[in-house]
Amino acid sequence: MKATDIHTTIADEAETIAIGCQLATLARPGDVLALWGDLGVGKSVLARAFIRARCGNVDEIPSPTFTFVQVYDSAAPFQGAVYHFDLYRLGAPEEAYELDIEEAFSDGISLIEWPDRLQDLLPFSRLDVELRYAVGECGRTIAIWGSGDWSQRLEHGRALDY
């Protein structure tokens, strides 16, 4: 199985935002980022930071809880639309096809909250980001691991201080 490339404790929302911004600089069109974690742990905070870093000053980034997906255009120098999926309310994996998930996987960058709802439709080649409540602490823990060339990109990105 995959080894964790990064595992650390994050003290507050500002650190979650910083990690989201740093991941945005490493992502490429066709990438899938699976955001794992319980309600309220910070998945949406990380996704919003990623979107702002990748797409410039986006005034409003609503949660896609009821729309299932929001799409944002990347700003220069980045390419590829950013698809922010929240699949918490997805009834069956096949319903994701109605959300143009195939287009997102091929041409865009996909941020997926509740990726377990996709079951076998979740691509093997992806970056997994797992946020958890830190035991006995106020902060969170984050584990980040990837398949494909993500390990190399994360190693290259270590200079980004996360």
N, C-alpha and C. Protein backbone atom coordinates (compact mmCIF):
# COMPACT_ATOMS: atom_id res chain seq x y z
N MET A 1 0.83 -1.19 0.00
CA MET A 1 0.00 0.00 0.00
C MET A 1 0.87 1.25 0.00
N LYS A 2 0.23 2.39 -0.03
CA LYS A 2 0.96 3.65 -0.13
C LYS A 2 1.51 4.07 1.23
N ALA A 3 2.71 4.57 1.22
CA ALA A 3 3.30 5.14 2.43
C ALA A 3 2.92 6.61 2.51
N THR A 4 2.78 7.10 3.72
CA THR A 4 2.46 8.51 3.90
C THR A 4 3.70 9.33 3.58
N ASP A 5 3.54 10.28 2.69
CA ASP A 5 4.64 11.16 2.32
C ASP A 5 4.79 12.29 3.33
N ILE A 6 3.67 12.77 3.86
CA ILE A 6 3.70 13.86 4.83
C ILE A 6 2.71 13.53 5.93
N HIS A 7 3.12 13.68 7.16
CA HIS A 7 2.22 13.52 8.30
C HIS A 7 2.65 14.53 9.35
N THR A 8 1.75 15.43 9.70
CA THR A 8 2.12 16.47 10.65
C THR A 8 0.90 16.97 11.40
N THR A 9 1.13 17.74 12.43
CA THR A 9 0.06 18.39 13.17
C THR A 9 -0.06 19.82 12.70
N ILE A 10 -1.28 20.27 12.51
CA ILE A 10 -1.52 21.66 12.14
C ILE A 10 -2.28 22.32 13.28
N ALA A 11 -1.79 23.46 13.70
CA ALA A 11 -2.29 24.11 14.90
C ALA A 11 -3.60 24.85 14.70
N ASP A 12 -3.80 25.41 13.51
CA ASP A 12 -4.97 26.27 13.34
C ASP A 12 -5.37 26.37 11.87
N GLU A 13 -6.42 27.15 11.64
CA GLU A 13 -6.94 27.31 10.29
C GLU A 13 -5.91 27.95 9.36
N ALA A 14 -5.09 28.84 9.87
CA ALA A 14 -4.07 29.49 9.04
C ALA A 14 -3.10 28.46 8.45
N GLU A 15 -2.73 27.45 9.22
CA GLU A 15 -1.85 26.42 8.70
C GLU A 15 -2.55 25.54 7.67
N THR A 16 -3.85 25.29 7.87
CA THR A 16 -4.62 24.54 6.88
C THR A 16 -4.67 25.31 5.57
N ILE A 17 -4.88 26.61 5.66
CA ILE A 17 -4.90 27.48 4.48
C ILE A 17 -3.55 27.46 3.77
N ALA A 18 -2.48 27.52 4.52
CA ALA A 18 -1.14 27.50 3.93
C ALA A 18 -0.89 26.21 3.17
N ILE A 19 -1.32 25.08 3.72
CA ILE A 19 -1.14 23.80 3.04
C ILE A 19 -1.97 23.76 1.76
N GLY A 20 -3.20 24.25 1.80
CA GLY A 20 -4.03 24.31 0.60
C GLY A 20 -3.38 25.13 -0.49
N CYS A 21 -2.80 26.26 -0.11
CA CYS A 21 -2.11 27.13 -1.09
C CYS A 21 -0.89 26.43 -1.67
N GLN A 22 -0.14 25.73 -0.84
CA GLN A 22 1.05 25.04 -1.31
C GLN A 22 0.70 23.90 -2.26
N LEU A 23 -0.36 23.16 -1.95
CA LEU A 23 -0.78 22.07 -2.84
C LEU A 23 -1.24 22.62 -4.19
N ALA A 24 -1.84 23.80 -4.18
CA ALA A 24 -2.29 24.42 -5.43
C ALA A 24 -1.14 24.67 -6.39
N THR A 25 0.04 24.97 -5.85
CA THR A 25 1.19 25.22 -6.72
C THR A 25 1.75 23.93 -7.32
N LEU A 26 1.44 22.79 -6.73
CA LEU A 26 1.95 21.50 -7.20
C LEU A 26 1.00 20.78 -8.14
N ALA A 27 -0.26 21.17 -8.15
CA ALA A 27 -1.28 20.45 -8.92
C ALA A 27 -1.20 20.78 -10.40
N ARG A 28 -1.66 19.82 -11.20
CA ARG A 28 -1.68 19.94 -12.66
C ARG A 28 -3.04 19.48 -13.19
N PRO A 29 -3.43 19.96 -14.38
CA PRO A 29 -4.67 19.46 -14.97
C PRO A 29 -4.66 17.93 -15.05
N GLY A 30 -5.78 17.34 -14.72
CA GLY A 30 -5.90 15.88 -14.67
C GLY A 30 -5.72 15.31 -13.28
N ASP A 31 -5.29 16.14 -12.32
CA ASP A 31 -5.07 15.67 -10.95
C ASP A 31 -6.39 15.54 -10.19
N VAL A 32 -6.42 14.57 -9.30
CA VAL A 32 -7.54 14.37 -8.40
C VAL A 32 -6.98 14.42 -6.99
N LEU A 33 -7.57 15.28 -6.16
CA LEU A 33 -7.20 15.38 -4.75
C LEU A 33 -8.39 14.91 -3.93
N ALA A 34 -8.23 13.80 -3.24
CA ALA A 34 -9.28 13.22 -2.41
C ALA A 34 -9.11 13.76 -0.99
N LEU A 35 -10.11 14.50 -0.52
CA LEU A 35 -10.05 15.14 0.80
C LEU A 35 -10.87 14.31 1.78
N TRP A 36 -10.18 13.64 2.70
CA TRP A 36 -10.80 12.73 3.66
C TRP A 36 -10.90 13.40 5.02
N GLY A 37 -11.93 13.08 5.78
CA GLY A 37 -12.06 13.57 7.15
C GLY A 37 -13.49 13.77 7.56
N ASP A 38 -13.71 13.86 8.86
CA ASP A 38 -15.04 14.03 9.42
C ASP A 38 -15.59 15.43 9.14
N LEU A 39 -16.86 15.61 9.42
CA LEU A 39 -17.50 16.92 9.33
C LEU A 39 -16.76 17.92 10.20
N GLY A 40 -16.51 19.10 9.66
CA GLY A 40 -15.93 20.18 10.43
C GLY A 40 -14.44 20.11 10.67
N VAL A 41 -13.75 19.16 10.06
CA VAL A 41 -12.32 18.99 10.33
C VAL A 41 -11.44 19.95 9.52
N GLY A 42 -12.00 20.55 8.45
CA GLY A 42 -11.22 21.52 7.69
C GLY A 42 -11.05 21.23 6.21
N LYS A 43 -11.78 20.26 5.68
CA LYS A 43 -11.67 19.93 4.25
C LYS A 43 -12.05 21.12 3.38
N SER A 44 -13.14 21.78 3.72
CA SER A 44 -13.60 22.93 2.92
C SER A 44 -12.64 24.11 3.05
N VAL A 45 -12.05 24.29 4.22
CA VAL A 45 -11.07 25.36 4.41
C VAL A 45 -9.88 25.13 3.49
N LEU A 46 -9.39 23.90 3.45
CA LEU A 46 -8.27 23.57 2.58
C LEU A 46 -8.65 23.75 1.11
N ALA A 47 -9.85 23.30 0.72
CA ALA A 47 -10.30 23.42 -0.67
C ALA A 47 -10.42 24.89 -1.07
N ARG A 48 -10.99 25.72 -0.20
CA ARG A 48 -11.13 27.15 -0.53
C ARG A 48 -9.77 27.82 -0.69
N ALA A 49 -8.82 27.47 0.16
CA ALA A 49 -7.47 28.03 0.04
C ALA A 49 -6.84 27.61 -1.28
N PHE A 50 -7.00 26.35 -1.64
CA PHE A 50 -6.49 25.83 -2.91
C PHE A 50 -7.09 26.62 -4.07
N ILE A 51 -8.40 26.81 -4.05
CA ILE A 51 -9.09 27.50 -5.14
C ILE A 51 -8.63 28.95 -5.24
N ARG A 52 -8.51 29.63 -4.11
CA ARG A 52 -8.05 31.03 -4.14
C ARG A 52 -6.62 31.13 -4.69
N ALA A 53 -5.77 30.20 -4.27
CA ALA A 53 -4.37 30.23 -4.74
C ALA A 53 -4.28 29.90 -6.23
N ARG A 54 -5.12 29.05 -6.69
CA ARG A 54 -5.06 28.59 -8.07
C ARG A 54 -5.82 29.50 -9.03
N CYS A 55 -6.88 30.12 -8.53
CA CYS A 55 -7.81 30.84 -9.41
C CYS A 55 -7.82 32.35 -9.18
N GLY A 56 -6.95 32.85 -8.34
CA GLY A 56 -6.91 34.29 -8.08
C GLY A 56 -7.96 34.71 -7.07
N ASN A 57 -8.26 35.97 -7.05
CA ASN A 57 -9.21 36.51 -6.09
C ASN A 57 -10.63 36.14 -6.46
N VAL A 58 -11.08 35.02 -5.95
CA VAL A 58 -12.46 34.60 -6.14
C VAL A 58 -13.24 35.17 -4.96
N ASP A 59 -14.23 36.01 -5.28
CA ASP A 59 -14.97 36.68 -4.21
C ASP A 59 -15.67 35.72 -3.28
N GLU A 60 -16.39 34.77 -3.85
CA GLU A 60 -17.16 33.86 -3.03
C GLU A 60 -16.89 32.43 -3.47
N ILE A 61 -16.66 31.57 -2.50
CA ILE A 61 -16.47 30.15 -2.78
C ILE A 61 -17.47 29.39 -1.91
N PRO A 62 -18.69 29.22 -2.44
CA PRO A 62 -19.71 28.53 -1.64
C PRO A 62 -19.41 27.04 -1.53
N SER A 63 -19.89 26.45 -0.47
CA SER A 63 -19.77 25.01 -0.33
C SER A 63 -20.65 24.34 -1.38
N PRO A 64 -20.13 23.33 -2.06
CA PRO A 64 -20.95 22.65 -3.05
C PRO A 64 -21.84 21.55 -2.44
N THR A 65 -22.18 21.70 -1.16
CA THR A 65 -22.97 20.68 -0.47
C THR A 65 -24.27 20.37 -1.20
N PHE A 66 -24.97 21.39 -1.67
CA PHE A 66 -26.27 21.16 -2.31
C PHE A 66 -26.18 21.12 -3.83
N THR A 67 -25.16 21.74 -4.41
CA THR A 67 -24.99 21.70 -5.86
C THR A 67 -24.09 20.54 -6.29
N PHE A 68 -23.41 19.92 -5.36
CA PHE A 68 -22.47 18.82 -5.56
C PHE A 68 -21.15 19.25 -6.17
N VAL A 69 -21.15 20.27 -7.04
CA VAL A 69 -19.91 20.69 -7.68
C VAL A 69 -19.96 22.19 -7.99
N GLN A 70 -18.82 22.84 -7.82
CA GLN A 70 -18.60 24.23 -8.26
C GLN A 70 -17.35 24.19 -9.13
N VAL A 71 -17.37 24.95 -10.21
CA VAL A 71 -16.25 24.96 -11.14
C VAL A 71 -15.65 26.37 -11.19
N TYR A 72 -14.30 26.44 -11.14
CA TYR A 72 -13.58 27.71 -11.14
C TYR A 72 -12.52 27.68 -12.23
N ASP A 73 -12.33 28.81 -12.90
CA ASP A 73 -11.28 28.92 -13.91
C ASP A 73 -9.97 29.32 -13.25
N SER A 74 -8.90 28.64 -13.62
CA SER A 74 -7.58 28.97 -13.09
C SER A 74 -7.11 30.31 -13.65
N ALA A 75 -6.33 31.00 -12.86
CA ALA A 75 -5.72 32.27 -13.29
C ALA A 75 -4.28 31.99 -13.72
N ALA A 76 -3.75 32.86 -14.57
CA ALA A 76 -2.36 32.74 -15.03
C ALA A 76 -1.45 32.75 -13.80
N PRO A 77 -0.42 31.96 -13.77
CA PRO A 77 0.15 31.14 -14.83
C PRO A 77 -0.42 29.71 -14.88
N PHE A 78 -1.43 29.44 -14.07
CA PHE A 78 -1.97 28.07 -13.99
C PHE A 78 -2.94 27.78 -15.13
N GLN A 79 -3.10 26.50 -15.40
CA GLN A 79 -4.04 26.04 -16.43
C GLN A 79 -4.98 25.01 -15.82
N GLY A 80 -6.12 24.85 -16.45
CA GLY A 80 -7.07 23.83 -16.03
C GLY A 80 -8.07 24.35 -15.03
N ALA A 81 -9.33 24.07 -15.27
CA ALA A 81 -10.38 24.45 -14.33
C ALA A 81 -10.24 23.64 -13.05
N VAL A 82 -10.71 24.21 -11.95
CA VAL A 82 -10.73 23.52 -10.67
C VAL A 82 -12.18 23.15 -10.37
N TYR A 83 -12.42 21.86 -10.18
CA TYR A 83 -13.74 21.33 -9.84
C TYR A 83 -13.73 21.00 -8.35
N HIS A 84 -14.64 21.62 -7.61
CA HIS A 84 -14.75 21.36 -6.18
C HIS A 84 -16.03 20.54 -5.96
N PHE A 85 -15.86 19.27 -5.66
CA PHE A 85 -16.97 18.35 -5.43
C PHE A 85 -17.19 18.15 -3.94
N ASP A 86 -18.45 18.14 -3.53
CA ASP A 86 -18.84 17.70 -2.19
C ASP A 86 -19.86 16.60 -2.41
N LEU A 87 -19.44 15.37 -2.19
CA LEU A 87 -20.27 14.21 -2.53
C LEU A 87 -21.00 13.62 -1.33
N TYR A 88 -21.08 14.38 -0.23
CA TYR A 88 -21.71 13.87 0.99
C TYR A 88 -23.12 13.36 0.72
N ARG A 89 -23.87 14.05 -0.11
CA ARG A 89 -25.26 13.70 -0.37
C ARG A 89 -25.45 12.82 -1.60
N LEU A 90 -24.37 12.36 -2.22
CA LEU A 90 -24.47 11.52 -3.39
C LEU A 90 -25.16 10.20 -3.03
N GLY A 91 -26.20 9.84 -3.79
CA GLY A 91 -26.95 8.64 -3.47
C GLY A 91 -26.27 7.35 -3.92
N ALA A 92 -25.62 7.40 -5.08
CA ALA A 92 -24.93 6.23 -5.63
C ALA A 92 -23.75 6.73 -6.46
N PRO A 93 -22.68 5.98 -6.53
CA PRO A 93 -21.50 6.42 -7.28
C PRO A 93 -21.81 6.84 -8.71
N GLU A 94 -22.72 6.13 -9.37
CA GLU A 94 -23.03 6.41 -10.77
C GLU A 94 -23.62 7.81 -10.97
N GLU A 95 -24.19 8.39 -9.93
CA GLU A 95 -24.75 9.74 -10.02
C GLU A 95 -23.66 10.77 -10.32
N ALA A 96 -22.42 10.45 -10.05
CA ALA A 96 -21.31 11.37 -10.31
C ALA A 96 -21.15 11.66 -11.80
N TYR A 97 -21.58 10.73 -12.65
CA TYR A 97 -21.50 10.98 -14.09
C TYR A 97 -22.35 12.19 -14.50
N GLU A 98 -23.45 12.43 -13.80
CA GLU A 98 -24.31 13.58 -14.08
C GLU A 98 -23.63 14.89 -13.70
N LEU A 99 -22.56 14.82 -12.93
CA LEU A 99 -21.81 16.00 -12.49
C LEU A 99 -20.62 16.29 -13.40
N ASP A 100 -20.53 15.60 -14.52
CA ASP A 100 -19.41 15.72 -15.47
C ASP A 100 -18.08 15.37 -14.82
N ILE A 101 -18.10 14.37 -13.96
CA ILE A 101 -16.88 14.00 -13.25
C ILE A 101 -15.83 13.45 -14.20
N GLU A 102 -16.23 12.84 -15.30
CA GLU A 102 -15.26 12.32 -16.27
C GLU A 102 -14.48 13.47 -16.91
N GLU A 103 -15.17 14.56 -17.25
CA GLU A 103 -14.50 15.74 -17.80
C GLU A 103 -13.55 16.34 -16.78
N ALA A 104 -14.00 16.41 -15.54
CA ALA A 104 -13.15 16.96 -14.48
C ALA A 104 -11.88 16.13 -14.33
N PHE A 105 -12.01 14.81 -14.35
CA PHE A 105 -10.86 13.94 -14.18
C PHE A 105 -9.88 14.05 -15.35
N SER A 106 -10.37 14.32 -16.54
CA SER A 106 -9.46 14.35 -17.69
C SER A 106 -8.86 15.73 -17.94
N ASP A 107 -9.64 16.80 -17.76
CA ASP A 107 -9.17 18.14 -18.16
C ASP A 107 -8.91 19.09 -17.00
N GLY A 108 -9.49 18.84 -15.86
CA GLY A 108 -9.39 19.79 -14.76
C GLY A 108 -8.62 19.24 -13.59
N ILE A 109 -8.71 19.97 -12.50
CA ILE A 109 -8.17 19.53 -11.22
C ILE A 109 -9.38 19.33 -10.32
N SER A 110 -9.49 18.14 -9.75
CA SER A 110 -10.66 17.80 -8.95
C SER A 110 -10.32 17.76 -7.48
N LEU A 111 -11.03 18.56 -6.69
CA LEU A 111 -10.97 18.51 -5.24
C LEU A 111 -12.24 17.80 -4.79
N ILE A 112 -12.11 16.66 -4.14
CA ILE A 112 -13.29 15.85 -3.83
C ILE A 112 -13.41 15.65 -2.32
N GLU A 113 -14.44 16.28 -1.75
CA GLU A 113 -14.79 16.01 -0.36
C GLU A 113 -15.73 14.81 -0.35
N TRP A 114 -15.54 13.93 0.60
CA TRP A 114 -16.28 12.68 0.73
C TRP A 114 -16.01 11.76 -0.48
N PRO A 115 -14.74 11.54 -0.80
CA PRO A 115 -14.40 10.71 -1.97
C PRO A 115 -14.84 9.26 -1.84
N ASP A 116 -15.08 8.78 -0.62
CA ASP A 116 -15.53 7.41 -0.43
C ASP A 116 -16.87 7.15 -1.12
N ARG A 117 -17.65 8.20 -1.37
CA ARG A 117 -18.95 8.05 -2.03
C ARG A 117 -18.79 7.59 -3.49
N LEU A 118 -17.60 7.78 -4.07
CA LEU A 118 -17.36 7.34 -5.45
C LEU A 118 -17.06 5.85 -5.55
N GLN A 119 -16.68 5.25 -4.47
CA GLN A 119 -16.30 3.84 -4.44
C GLN A 119 -15.30 3.53 -5.56
N ASP A 120 -15.63 2.62 -6.47
CA ASP A 120 -14.69 2.20 -7.52
C ASP A 120 -14.46 3.25 -8.59
N LEU A 121 -15.24 4.33 -8.61
CA LEU A 121 -15.05 5.38 -9.60
C LEU A 121 -13.92 6.34 -9.21
N LEU A 122 -13.47 6.28 -7.96
CA LEU A 122 -12.37 7.13 -7.50
C LEU A 122 -11.09 6.65 -8.17
N PRO A 123 -10.41 7.53 -8.92
CA PRO A 123 -9.19 7.09 -9.62
C PRO A 123 -8.10 6.62 -8.65
N PHE A 124 -7.38 5.63 -9.08
CA PHE A 124 -6.25 5.13 -8.28
C PHE A 124 -5.14 6.18 -8.23
N SER A 125 -4.89 6.84 -9.34
CA SER A 125 -3.84 7.85 -9.41
C SER A 125 -4.41 9.16 -8.86
N ARG A 126 -3.98 9.51 -7.66
CA ARG A 126 -4.54 10.70 -6.99
C ARG A 126 -3.65 11.09 -5.83
N LEU A 127 -3.97 12.25 -5.27
CA LEU A 127 -3.36 12.70 -4.02
C LEU A 127 -4.42 12.57 -2.93
N ASP A 128 -4.09 11.87 -1.87
CA ASP A 128 -4.99 11.73 -0.73
C ASP A 128 -4.55 12.69 0.36
N VAL A 129 -5.52 13.45 0.89
CA VAL A 129 -5.27 14.38 1.98
C VAL A 129 -6.27 14.04 3.08
N GLU A 130 -5.75 13.58 4.21
CA GLU A 130 -6.63 13.19 5.31
C GLU A 130 -6.43 14.12 6.50
N LEU A 131 -7.51 14.77 6.89
CA LEU A 131 -7.52 15.64 8.06
C LEU A 131 -8.25 14.93 9.19
N ARG A 132 -7.68 15.01 10.38
CA ARG A 132 -8.30 14.40 11.56
C ARG A 132 -8.17 15.37 12.73
N TYR A 133 -9.10 15.23 13.67
CA TYR A 133 -8.97 15.98 14.91
C TYR A 133 -7.79 15.39 15.68
N ALA A 134 -6.92 16.26 16.19
CA ALA A 134 -5.78 15.79 16.97
C ALA A 134 -6.29 15.31 18.33
N VAL A 135 -5.81 14.16 18.76
CA VAL A 135 -6.22 13.59 20.04
C VAL A 135 -5.64 14.43 21.18
N GLY A 136 -6.51 14.91 22.05
CA GLY A 136 -6.07 15.67 23.22
C GLY A 136 -5.52 17.04 22.90
N GLU A 137 -5.70 17.51 21.68
CA GLU A 137 -5.18 18.81 21.29
C GLU A 137 -6.28 19.58 20.58
N CYS A 138 -6.08 20.87 20.42
CA CYS A 138 -7.04 21.70 19.71
C CYS A 138 -6.86 21.64 18.21
N GLY A 139 -5.70 21.26 17.75
CA GLY A 139 -5.39 21.29 16.32
C GLY A 139 -5.91 20.08 15.58
N ARG A 140 -5.31 19.86 14.44
CA ARG A 140 -5.64 18.76 13.57
C ARG A 140 -4.36 18.03 13.19
N THR A 141 -4.52 16.82 12.70
CA THR A 141 -3.40 16.15 12.06
C THR A 141 -3.75 16.06 10.58
N ILE A 142 -2.72 16.06 9.77
CA ILE A 142 -2.91 15.92 8.33
C ILE A 142 -1.92 14.90 7.82
N ALA A 143 -2.42 14.01 6.99
CA ALA A 143 -1.59 13.03 6.31
C ALA A 143 -1.82 13.24 4.82
N ILE A 144 -0.74 13.29 4.07
CA ILE A 144 -0.81 13.51 2.63
C ILE A 144 0.04 12.45 1.95
N TRP A 145 -0.55 11.72 1.01
CA TRP A 145 0.19 10.73 0.25
C TRP A 145 -0.37 10.67 -1.15
N GLY A 146 0.46 10.26 -2.07
CA GLY A 146 0.01 10.23 -3.45
C GLY A 146 0.55 9.07 -4.24
N SER A 147 -0.17 8.76 -5.29
CA SER A 147 0.29 7.75 -6.24
C SER A 147 0.73 8.47 -7.50
N GLY A 148 1.21 7.70 -8.46
CA GLY A 148 1.73 8.33 -9.67
C GLY A 148 2.96 9.14 -9.33
N ASP A 149 3.08 10.33 -9.90
CA ASP A 149 4.26 11.16 -9.63
C ASP A 149 4.07 12.11 -8.45
N TRP A 150 3.00 11.93 -7.69
CA TRP A 150 2.77 12.81 -6.54
C TRP A 150 3.89 12.72 -5.51
N SER A 151 4.44 11.55 -5.29
CA SER A 151 5.54 11.44 -4.32
C SER A 151 6.69 12.35 -4.70
N GLN A 152 7.03 12.38 -5.99
CA GLN A 152 8.11 13.26 -6.46
C GLN A 152 7.72 14.72 -6.29
N ARG A 153 6.49 15.06 -6.63
CA ARG A 153 6.05 16.46 -6.50
C ARG A 153 6.05 16.89 -5.04
N LEU A 154 5.60 16.01 -4.16
CA LEU A 154 5.60 16.35 -2.74
C LEU A 154 7.02 16.52 -2.21
N GLU A 155 7.92 15.66 -2.66
CA GLU A 155 9.33 15.78 -2.26
C GLU A 155 9.89 17.11 -2.74
N HIS A 156 9.60 17.46 -3.97
CA HIS A 156 10.03 18.75 -4.52
C HIS A 156 9.41 19.90 -3.73
N GLY A 157 8.17 19.74 -3.30
CA GLY A 157 7.47 20.79 -2.56
C GLY A 157 7.83 20.89 -1.10
N ARG A 158 8.68 19.98 -0.58
CA ARG A 158 9.04 20.05 0.83
C ARG A 158 9.69 21.38 1.20
N ALA A 159 10.30 22.02 0.24
CA ALA A 159 10.90 23.32 0.50
C ALA A 159 9.83 24.35 0.81
N LEU A 160 8.56 24.00 0.61
CA LEU A 160 7.46 24.93 0.86
C LEU A 160 7.08 25.01 2.33
N ASP A 161 7.78 24.27 3.19
CA ASP A 161 7.61 24.39 4.64
C ASP A 161 6.22 24.05 5.14
N TYR A 162 5.83 22.82 4.99
CA TYR A 162 4.62 22.40 5.65
C TYR A 162 4.94 21.40 6.65
